[in-house]
Protein backbone atom coordinates (compact mmCIF):
# COMPACT_ATOMS: atom_id res chain seq x y z
CA UNK A 1 5.55 15.70 27.72
CA UNK A 2 5.69 19.48 27.69
CA UNK A 3 7.17 21.69 25.04
CA UNK A 4 10.88 21.68 24.22
CA UNK A 5 12.22 25.10 23.35
CA UNK A 6 15.50 25.70 21.54
CA UNK A 7 17.29 29.04 21.79
CA UNK A 8 20.08 29.89 19.37
CA UNK A 9 21.68 32.65 21.43
CA UNK A 10 23.58 35.63 20.04
CA UNK A 11 24.81 38.77 21.75
CA UNK A 12 21.67 40.84 21.14
CA UNK A 13 18.98 38.24 20.45
CA UNK A 14 18.03 34.59 20.62
CA UNK A 15 16.22 32.75 17.85
CA UNK A 16 13.42 30.62 19.31
CA UNK A 17 12.03 27.28 18.10
CA UNK A 18 9.33 25.31 19.90
CA UNK A 19 8.88 21.54 19.65
CA UNK A 20 5.42 20.40 20.67
CA UNK A 21 3.65 17.11 20.00
CA UNK A 22 6.23 16.04 17.42
CA UNK A 23 6.27 19.30 15.44
CA UNK A 24 8.72 22.17 15.53
CA UNK A 25 7.81 25.73 14.72
CA UNK A 26 9.77 28.93 14.48
CA UNK A 27 8.78 31.31 17.28
CA UNK A 28 10.75 34.36 16.20
CA UNK A 29 13.43 36.22 18.08
CA UNK A 30 13.69 37.58 21.59
CA UNK A 31 16.12 40.31 22.60
CA UNK A 32 18.65 39.10 25.16
CA UNK A 33 18.28 42.11 27.45
CA UNK A 34 17.22 41.22 30.99
CA UNK A 35 13.85 42.94 30.51
CA UNK A 36 12.98 41.07 27.31
CA UNK A 37 14.19 37.74 28.68
CA UNK A 38 11.97 38.21 31.74
CA UNK A 39 9.02 38.89 29.42
CA UNK A 40 9.88 35.78 27.41
CA UNK A 41 10.20 33.72 30.60
CA UNK A 42 6.65 34.76 31.55
CA UNK A 43 5.40 32.94 28.42
CA UNK A 44 6.96 29.65 29.55
CA UNK A 45 4.89 26.89 31.05
CA UNK A 46 5.93 24.94 34.15
CA UNK A 47 6.20 21.83 31.94
CA UNK A 48 8.51 23.44 29.37
CA UNK A 49 12.09 22.39 28.88
CA UNK A 50 14.52 24.90 27.35
CA UNK A 51 17.82 24.27 25.57
CA UNK A 52 20.52 26.78 24.71
CA UNK A 53 24.19 26.55 23.85
CA UNK A 54 26.84 27.68 26.29
CA UNK A 55 27.72 31.33 25.62
CA UNK A 56 29.09 34.29 27.52
CA UNK A 57 25.73 35.17 29.11
CA UNK A 58 24.46 31.63 29.67
CA UNK A 59 24.44 31.77 33.47
CA UNK A 60 22.27 34.88 33.54
CA UNK A 61 19.86 33.43 30.98
CA UNK A 62 19.59 30.13 32.84
CA UNK A 63 18.80 32.03 36.05
CA UNK A 64 15.95 33.95 34.43
CA UNK A 65 14.48 31.01 32.50
CA UNK A 66 14.77 28.54 35.38
CA UNK A 67 12.28 30.58 37.38
CA UNK A 68 9.50 29.46 35.02
CA UNK A 69 10.59 26.39 33.02
CA UNK A 70 10.71 22.86 34.37
CA UNK A 71 14.26 22.47 33.11
CA UNK A 72 16.90 24.54 31.36
CA UNK A 73 19.62 22.53 29.62
CA UNK A 74 22.88 24.09 28.49
CA UNK A 75 24.20 22.14 25.53
CA UNK A 76 27.84 21.46 24.99
CA UNK A 77 28.67 23.27 21.72
CA UNK A 78 31.68 21.04 21.10
CA UNK A 79 29.51 17.94 21.24
CA UNK A 80 26.52 19.36 19.40
CA UNK A 81 28.24 18.59 16.14
CA UNK A 82 25.03 18.25 14.14
CA UNK A 83 24.62 22.02 14.35
CA UNK A 84 28.25 22.85 13.66
CA UNK A 85 28.37 20.53 10.65
CA UNK A 86 25.00 21.39 9.16
CA UNK A 87 25.09 22.19 5.47
CA UNK A 88 22.34 24.76 5.91
CA UNK A 89 23.37 26.80 8.94
CA UNK A 90 20.96 29.50 10.02
CA UNK A 91 19.72 30.73 13.37
CA UNK A 92 16.33 29.12 12.74
CA UNK A 93 17.88 25.74 11.89
CA UNK A 94 20.13 25.86 14.96
CA UNK A 95 17.20 26.66 17.28
CA UNK A 96 15.10 23.88 15.72
CA UNK A 97 17.89 21.33 16.12
CA UNK A 98 18.35 22.24 19.78
CA UNK A 99 14.62 21.80 20.42
CA UNK A 100 14.53 18.47 18.55
CA UNK A 101 17.63 17.09 20.29
CA UNK A 102 16.17 18.06 23.66
CA UNK A 103 12.84 16.39 22.83
CA UNK A 104 14.65 13.22 21.75
CA UNK A 105 16.90 13.21 24.84
CA UNK A 106 19.99 13.42 22.60
CA UNK A 107 21.22 16.82 23.66
CA UNK A 108 24.76 16.69 25.11
CA UNK A 109 24.83 19.04 28.09
CA UNK A 110 27.61 20.70 30.06
């Protein structure tokens, strides 16, 4: 299985977490401008799967990321209750949870 990458998307940036071989690591932030997202997409492997929550700019992000990743999954934020109900809610935690749910095939998509 390839890497599973979770993106907690905000207006100006996305927090990135990468699940690989059973471990999740924080991979920092990427600006959500088209230029920076294209640069980020170039780091993706053809075996990577990417998860992000539905937001205002989801369609554009999916278009850019789909050019490189094996799969881009848009999670349903209303069904991804584990993130919404987390006691410790940070961008890093949200990105990690998206990556872990994708890796476990438990991510509700839209």
